[in-house]
Amino acid sequence: MRAGRRGQALAELQRLDQALYRAVADTRTPVLDVALSRLSRAANYSRLSTGIALALALAGGRQGARAGARGMLSVGVTSAVVNLAFKPLMRRQRPDRTRSFTTHRLRVRMPATRSFPSGHAAAAFAFATGAGRELPWVGPPLYVLAAAVGYSRVHAGVHYPLDVVAGGLGGIALGELTNACIDRVATARLGAYQSQGVSVPARLSSSR
């Protein structure tokens, strides 16, 4: 009985997911088409996050550099887990956007990888989580940007909405896990310095 309800709930969730995808496809937005396709392409291979990390390092001093490094390390871990584990395991096919989208939307190349979860959304949210751990004030705008990147993938027809939601949640979780590990290593090294009576490097004491 429970298995039947669970299967019915999953079927309903899939129908809702596809309905939202079609609703986006059916809405004519010529101005947004250009802007969102550019945003989607800018996020390829985490180039957008890399650029922001460099800007933080140049403008934010040591703390900005640490924020960028945390963000990029979170991206690296998240991308590896998503692309090497989650996508092959879930094996969801990409949408057939040629049936739903008009040609003016097709400015973003359809990736050859699996659809679930969205790697772009996962990486963008992971970067926001990592950078925001070091510099809390950059977290909110980076999360807004990550949400825009995620939506741009649906708008371009290369992901279903559920792919993006799962990618975003996964990116936050993996970003938090990565930074928890960073904090644990920093704490252990700080304790080792203190136990030996050695002067603690500023980069360690300020990173806690």
C-alpha atoms as a PDB file:
ATOM      1  CA  MET A   1       0.000   0.000   0.000  1.00  0.00           C
ATOM      2  CA  ARG A   2       2.777   2.422   0.943  1.00  0.00           C
ATOM      3  CA  ALA A   3       4.762   1.448  -2.152  1.00  0.00           C
ATOM      4  CA  GLY A   4       1.731   2.204  -4.303  1.00  0.00           C
ATOM      5  CA  ARG A   5       1.268   5.633  -2.750  1.00  0.00           C
ATOM      6  CA  ARG A   6       4.942   6.370  -3.103  1.00  0.00           C
ATOM      7  CA  GLY A   7       4.843   5.444  -6.767  1.00  0.00           C
ATOM      8  CA  GLN A   8       1.747   7.581  -7.305  1.00  0.00           C
ATOM      9  CA  ALA A   9       3.398  10.537  -5.554  1.00  0.00           C
ATOM     10  CA  LEU A  10       6.490  10.208  -7.745  1.00  0.00           C
ATOM     11  CA  ALA A  11       4.330  10.036 -10.866  1.00  0.00           C
ATOM     12  CA  GLU A  12       2.456  13.173  -9.822  1.00  0.00           C
ATOM     13  CA  LEU A  13       5.723  14.951  -9.069  1.00  0.00           C
ATOM     14  CA  GLN A  14       7.022  14.053 -12.518  1.00  0.00           C
ATOM     15  CA  ARG A  15       3.845  15.346 -14.162  1.00  0.00           C
ATOM     16  CA  LEU A  16       4.140  18.607 -12.224  1.00  0.00           C
ATOM     17  CA  ASP A  17       7.792  18.875 -13.209  1.00  0.00           C
ATOM     18  CA  GLN A  18       6.967  18.434 -16.889  1.00  0.00           C
ATOM     19  CA  ALA A  19       4.026  20.849 -16.657  1.00  0.00           C
ATOM     20  CA  LEU A  20       6.282  23.568 -15.229  1.00  0.00           C
ATOM     21  CA  TYR A  21       8.801  22.893 -17.980  1.00  0.00           C
ATOM     22  CA  ARG A  22       6.103  23.293 -20.645  1.00  0.00           C
ATOM     23  CA  ALA A  23       4.820  26.465 -18.975  1.00  0.00           C
ATOM     24  CA  VAL A  24       8.263  28.031 -19.245  1.00  0.00           C
ATOM     25  CA  ALA A  25       8.505  26.897 -22.862  1.00  0.00           C
ATOM     26  CA  ASP A  26       5.089  28.345 -23.725  1.00  0.00           C
ATOM     27  CA  THR A  27       5.811  31.789 -22.254  1.00  0.00           C
ATOM     28  CA  ARG A  28       7.179  34.223 -24.828  1.00  0.00           C
ATOM     29  CA  THR A  29      10.077  36.247 -23.344  1.00  0.00           C
ATOM     30  CA  PRO A  30      12.343  37.526 -26.149  1.00  0.00           C
ATOM     31  CA  VAL A  31      14.316  39.935 -23.943  1.00  0.00           C
ATOM     32  CA  LEU A  32      14.916  37.364 -21.206  1.00  0.00           C
ATOM     33  CA  ASP A  33      15.879  34.769 -23.816  1.00  0.00           C
ATOM     34  CA  VAL A  34      19.026  36.698 -24.692  1.00  0.00           C
ATOM     35  CA  ALA A  35      20.005  37.607 -21.121  1.00  0.00           C
ATOM     36  CA  LEU A  36      19.410  34.159 -19.658  1.00  0.00           C
ATOM     37  CA  SER A  37      21.166  32.335 -22.461  1.00  0.00           C
ATOM     38  CA  ARG A  38      24.238  34.516 -21.876  1.00  0.00           C
ATOM     39  CA  LEU A  39      24.073  33.825 -18.146  1.00  0.00           C
ATOM     40  CA  SER A  40      23.750  30.093 -18.754  1.00  0.00           C
ATOM     41  CA  ARG A  41      26.761  30.025 -21.057  1.00  0.00           C
ATOM     42  CA  ALA A  42      28.788  32.193 -18.653  1.00  0.00           C
ATOM     43  CA  ALA A  43      28.251  29.551 -15.972  1.00  0.00           C
ATOM     44  CA  ASN A  44      29.685  26.764 -18.159  1.00  0.00           C
ATOM     45  CA  TYR A  45      32.623  25.046 -16.434  1.00  0.00           C
ATOM     46  CA  SER A  46      32.006  27.369 -13.446  1.00  0.00           C
ATOM     47  CA  ARG A  47      33.623  30.264 -15.316  1.00  0.00           C
ATOM     48  CA  LEU A  48      31.275  32.716 -13.615  1.00  0.00           C
ATOM     49  CA  SER A  49      32.215  31.443 -10.155  1.00  0.00           C
ATOM     50  CA  THR A  50      35.896  31.527 -11.070  1.00  0.00           C
ATOM     51  CA  GLY A  51      35.611  35.153 -12.137  1.00  0.00           C
ATOM     52  CA  ILE A  52      33.849  36.092  -8.903  1.00  0.00           C
ATOM     53  CA  ALA A  53      36.489  34.225  -6.876  1.00  0.00           C
ATOM     54  CA  LEU A  54      39.231  36.220  -8.604  1.00  0.00           C
ATOM     55  CA  ALA A  55      37.362  39.463  -7.977  1.00  0.00           C
ATOM     56  CA  LEU A  56      37.004  38.614  -4.290  1.00  0.00           C
ATOM     57  CA  ALA A  57      40.702  37.829  -4.064  1.00  0.00           C
ATOM     58  CA  LEU A  58      41.688  41.103  -5.746  1.00  0.00           C
ATOM     59  CA  ALA A  59      39.244  43.367  -3.929  1.00  0.00           C
ATOM     60  CA  GLY A  60      38.757  41.627  -0.604  1.00  0.00           C
ATOM     61  CA  GLY A  61      42.282  41.080   0.649  1.00  0.00           C
ATOM     62  CA  ARG A  62      43.126  37.910   2.549  1.00  0.00           C
ATOM     63  CA  GLN A  63      39.562  37.275   3.636  1.00  0.00           C
ATOM     64  CA  GLY A  64      38.322  37.756   0.096  1.00  0.00           C
ATOM     65  CA  ALA A  65      40.957  35.336  -1.159  1.00  0.00           C
ATOM     66  CA  ARG A  66      39.896  32.790   1.454  1.00  0.00           C
ATOM     67  CA  ALA A  67      36.258  33.256   0.481  1.00  0.00           C
ATOM     68  CA  GLY A  68      37.091  32.656  -3.175  1.00  0.00           C
ATOM     69  CA  ALA A  69      39.186  29.617  -2.312  1.00  0.00           C
ATOM     70  CA  ARG A  70      36.450  28.120  -0.137  1.00  0.00           C
ATOM     71  CA  GLY A  71      33.935  28.724  -2.871  1.00  0.00           C
ATOM     72  CA  MET A  72      36.046  27.115  -5.586  1.00  0.00           C
ATOM     73  CA  LEU A  73      36.956  24.145  -3.393  1.00  0.00           C
ATOM     74  CA  SER A  74      33.233  23.648  -2.753  1.00  0.00           C
ATOM     75  CA  VAL A  75      32.632  23.800  -6.510  1.00  0.00           C
ATOM     76  CA  GLY A  76      35.340  21.205  -7.164  1.00  0.00           C
ATOM     77  CA  VAL A  77      33.995  18.726  -4.631  1.00  0.00           C
ATOM     78  CA  THR A  78      30.390  19.275  -5.699  1.00  0.00           C
ATOM     79  CA  SER A  79      31.101  18.940  -9.422  1.00  0.00           C
ATOM     80  CA  ALA A  80      33.016  15.715  -8.850  1.00  0.00           C
ATOM     81  CA  VAL A  81      30.252  14.158  -6.762  1.00  0.00           C
ATOM     82  CA  VAL A  82      27.437  15.295  -9.073  1.00  0.00           C
ATOM     83  CA  ASN A  83      29.092  14.304 -12.350  1.00  0.00           C
ATOM     84  CA  LEU A  84      30.777  11.096 -11.225  1.00  0.00           C
ATOM     85  CA  ALA A  85      28.145   9.729  -8.842  1.00  0.00           C
ATOM     86  CA  PHE A  86      24.710  11.329  -8.990  1.00  0.00           C
ATOM     87  CA  LYS A  87      24.239  11.748 -12.730  1.00  0.00           C
ATOM     88  CA  PRO A  88      25.295   8.178 -13.702  1.00  0.00           C
ATOM     89  CA  LEU A  89      23.213   6.790 -10.836  1.00  0.00           C
ATOM     90  CA  MET A  90      20.001   8.694 -11.649  1.00  0.00           C
ATOM     91  CA  ARG A  91      20.340   8.340 -15.449  1.00  0.00           C
ATOM     92  CA  ARG A  92      17.553  10.798 -16.274  1.00  0.00           C
ATOM     93  CA  GLN A  93      17.416  11.780 -19.934  1.00  0.00           C
ATOM     94  CA  ARG A  94      17.550  15.405 -21.018  1.00  0.00           C
ATOM     95  CA  PRO A  95      14.292  17.062 -22.099  1.00  0.00           C
ATOM     96  CA  ASP A  96      13.311  16.903 -25.757  1.00  0.00           C
ATOM     97  CA  ARG A  97      13.123  20.663 -26.118  1.00  0.00           C
ATOM     98  CA  THR A  98      12.580  20.606 -29.890  1.00  0.00           C
ATOM     99  CA  ARG A  99       8.958  19.640 -29.224  1.00  0.00           C
ATOM    100  CA  SER A 100       8.319  22.438 -26.741  1.00  0.00           C
ATOM    101  CA  PHE A 101      10.657  25.341 -27.490  1.00  0.00           C
ATOM    102  CA  THR A 102      10.758  27.603 -30.512  1.00  0.00           C
ATOM    103  CA  THR A 103      14.099  28.064 -32.249  1.00  0.00           C
ATOM    104  CA  HIS A 104      14.849  31.487 -30.735  1.00  0.00           C
ATOM    105  CA  ARG A 105      15.286  29.793 -27.336  1.00  0.00           C
ATOM    106  CA  LEU A 106      17.865  27.289 -28.558  1.00  0.00           C
ATOM    107  CA  ARG A 107      20.938  29.442 -27.935  1.00  0.00           C
ATOM    108  CA  VAL A 108      22.352  27.057 -25.325  1.00  0.00           C
ATOM    109  CA  ARG A 109      23.899  23.793 -26.465  1.00  0.00           C
ATOM    110  CA  MET A 110      22.212  20.658 -25.171  1.00  0.00           C
ATOM    111  CA  PRO A 111      24.761  18.820 -23.002  1.00  0.00           C
ATOM    112  CA  ALA A 112      25.512  15.158 -23.605  1.00  0.00           C
ATOM    113  CA  THR A 113      25.472  14.331 -19.872  1.00  0.00           C
ATOM    114  CA  ARG A 114      22.477  13.105 -17.871  1.00  0.00           C
ATOM    115  CA  SER A 115      19.879  15.598 -16.734  1.00  0.00           C
ATOM    116  CA  PHE A 116      19.460  14.954 -12.993  1.00  0.00           C
ATOM    117  CA  PRO A 117      20.653  16.846 -11.042  1.00  0.00           C
ATOM    118  CA  SER A 118      21.695  20.126 -12.647  1.00  0.00           C
ATOM    119  CA  GLY A 119      25.460  20.503 -12.425  1.00  0.00           C
ATOM    120  CA  HIS A 120      25.253  24.238 -13.128  1.00  0.00           C
ATOM    121  CA  ALA A 121      22.852  24.791 -10.226  1.00  0.00           C
ATOM    122  CA  ALA A 122      24.828  22.533  -7.897  1.00  0.00           C
ATOM    123  CA  ALA A 123      28.126  24.305  -8.610  1.00  0.00           C
ATOM    124  CA  ALA A 124      26.626  27.797  -8.333  1.00  0.00           C
ATOM    125  CA  PHE A 125      24.954  27.081  -4.994  1.00  0.00           C
ATOM    126  CA  ALA A 126      28.071  25.329  -3.696  1.00  0.00           C
ATOM    127  CA  PHE A 127      30.157  28.391  -4.523  1.00  0.00           C
ATOM    128  CA  ALA A 128      27.692  30.675  -2.746  1.00  0.00           C
ATOM    129  CA  THR A 129      27.778  28.396   0.299  1.00  0.00           C
ATOM    130  CA  GLY A 130      31.568  28.246   0.452  1.00  0.00           C
ATOM    131  CA  ALA A 131      32.233  31.920  -0.179  1.00  0.00           C
ATOM    132  CA  GLY A 132      29.434  32.935   2.169  1.00  0.00           C
ATOM    133  CA  ARG A 133      30.947  30.865   4.971  1.00  0.00           C
ATOM    134  CA  GLU A 134      34.013  33.135   4.952  1.00  0.00           C
ATOM    135  CA  LEU A 135      32.301  36.385   3.940  1.00  0.00           C
ATOM    136  CA  PRO A 136      28.663  36.245   5.126  1.00  0.00           C
ATOM    137  CA  TRP A 137      27.651  39.427   3.300  1.00  0.00           C
ATOM    138  CA  VAL A 138      28.409  37.907  -0.129  1.00  0.00           C
ATOM    139  CA  GLY A 139      26.161  34.913   0.535  1.00  0.00           C
ATOM    140  CA  PRO A 140      22.725  36.452  -0.266  1.00  0.00           C
ATOM    141  CA  PRO A 141      23.681  38.012  -3.648  1.00  0.00           C
ATOM    142  CA  LEU A 142      25.547  34.849  -4.638  1.00  0.00           C
ATOM    143  CA  TYR A 143      22.506  32.717  -3.800  1.00  0.00           C
ATOM    144  CA  VAL A 144      20.332  35.015  -5.922  1.00  0.00           C
ATOM    145  CA  LEU A 145      22.820  34.650  -8.768  1.00  0.00           C
ATOM    146  CA  ALA A 146      22.864  30.867  -8.285  1.00  0.00           C
ATOM    147  CA  ALA A 147      19.068  30.765  -8.489  1.00  0.00           C
ATOM    148  CA  ALA A 148      19.202  32.794 -11.711  1.00  0.00           C
ATOM    149  CA  VAL A 149      21.774  30.385 -13.155  1.00  0.00           C
ATOM    150  CA  GLY A 150      19.574  27.453 -12.228  1.00  0.00           C
ATOM    151  CA  TYR A 151      16.485  29.003 -13.790  1.00  0.00           C
ATOM    152  CA  SER A 152      18.435  29.872 -16.935  1.00  0.00           C
ATOM    153  CA  ARG A 153      18.960  26.150 -17.515  1.00  0.00           C
ATOM    154  CA  VAL A 154      15.211  25.541 -17.458  1.00  0.00           C
ATOM    155  CA  HIS A 155      14.569  28.616 -19.567  1.00  0.00           C
ATOM    156  CA  ALA A 156      16.983  27.300 -22.183  1.00  0.00           C
ATOM    157  CA  GLY A 157      15.243  23.931 -22.160  1.00  0.00           C
ATOM    158  CA  VAL A 158      18.221  21.818 -21.104  1.00  0.00           C
ATOM    159  CA  HIS A 159      16.864  20.901 -17.648  1.00  0.00           C
ATOM    160  CA  TYR A 160      13.571  20.168 -15.962  1.00  0.00           C
ATOM    161  CA  PRO A 161      12.770  22.333 -12.898  1.00  0.00           C
ATOM    162  CA  LEU A 162      13.229  19.379 -10.543  1.00  0.00           C
ATOM    163  CA  ASP A 163      16.779  18.904 -11.863  1.00  0.00           C
ATOM    164  CA  VAL A 164      17.602  22.454 -10.820  1.00  0.00           C
ATOM    165  CA  VAL A 165      15.956  22.194  -7.397  1.00  0.00           C
ATOM    166  CA  ALA A 166      17.826  18.976  -6.646  1.00  0.00           C
ATOM    167  CA  GLY A 167      21.071  20.463  -7.938  1.00  0.00           C
ATOM    168  CA  GLY A 168      20.692  23.556  -5.773  1.00  0.00           C
ATOM    169  CA  LEU A 169      19.947  21.578  -2.615  1.00  0.00           C
ATOM    170  CA  GLY A 170      22.780  19.187  -3.375  1.00  0.00           C
ATOM    171  CA  GLY A 171      25.180  22.072  -3.945  1.00  0.00           C
ATOM    172  CA  ILE A 172      24.285  23.640  -0.603  1.00  0.00           C
ATOM    173  CA  ALA A 173      24.655  20.317   1.233  1.00  0.00           C
ATOM    174  CA  LEU A 174      27.986  19.467  -0.389  1.00  0.00           C
ATOM    175  CA  GLY A 175      29.227  23.019   0.092  1.00  0.00           C
ATOM    176  CA  GLU A 176      28.403  22.849   3.800  1.00  0.00           C
ATOM    177  CA  LEU A 177      30.094  19.453   4.079  1.00  0.00           C
ATOM    178  CA  THR A 178      33.216  20.688   2.294  1.00  0.00           C
ATOM    179  CA  ASN A 179      33.493  23.724   4.530  1.00  0.00           C
ATOM    180  CA  ALA A 180      32.875  21.691   7.666  1.00  0.00           C
ATOM    181  CA  CYS A 181      35.868  19.581   6.647  1.00  0.00           C
ATOM    182  CA  ILE A 182      37.939  22.723   6.014  1.00  0.00           C
ATOM    183  CA  ASP A 183      37.025  24.063   9.462  1.00  0.00           C
ATOM    184  CA  ARG A 184      37.869  20.739  11.110  1.00  0.00           C
ATOM    185  CA  VAL A 185      41.293  20.616   9.451  1.00  0.00           C
ATOM    186  CA  ALA A 186      41.992  24.244  10.420  1.00  0.00           C
ATOM    187  CA  THR A 187      40.945  23.558  14.013  1.00  0.00           C
ATOM    188  CA  ALA A 188      43.166  20.474  14.188  1.00  0.00           C
ATOM    189  CA  ARG A 189      46.159  22.392  12.836  1.00  0.00           C
ATOM    190  CA  LEU A 190      45.502  25.254  15.238  1.00  0.00           C
ATOM    191  CA  GLY A 191      45.387  22.805  18.137  1.00  0.00           C
ATOM    192  CA  ALA A 192      48.667  21.249  17.019  1.00  0.00           C
ATOM    193  CA  TYR A 193      50.375  24.643  16.969  1.00  0.00           C
ATOM    194  CA  GLN A 194      49.012  25.540  20.392  1.00  0.00           C
ATOM    195  CA  SER A 195      50.003  22.211  21.951  1.00  0.00           C
ATOM    196  CA  GLN A 196      53.576  22.732  20.738  1.00  0.00           C
ATOM    197  CA  GLY A 197      53.709  26.300  22.000  1.00  0.00           C
ATOM    198  CA  VAL A 198      54.378  27.547  18.483  1.00  0.00           C
ATOM    199  CA  SER A 199      53.126  30.892  17.237  1.00  0.00           C
ATOM    200  CA  VAL A 200      49.899  30.386  15.290  1.00  0.00           C
ATOM    201  CA  PRO A 201      49.958  31.694  11.679  1.00  0.00           C
ATOM    202  CA  ALA A 202      47.497  34.540  11.116  1.00  0.00           C
ATOM    203  CA  ARG A 203      45.824  32.682   8.276  1.00  0.00           C
ATOM    204  CA  LEU A 204      44.874  29.846  10.645  1.00  0.00           C
ATOM    205  CA  SER A 205      43.699  31.909  13.571  1.00  0.00           C
ATOM    206  CA  SER A 206      41.598  34.169  11.342  1.00  0.00           C
ATOM    207  CA  SER A 207      40.032  31.311   9.390  1.00  0.00           C
ATOM    208  CA  ARG A 208      38.140  29.899  12.332  1.00  0.00           C
END
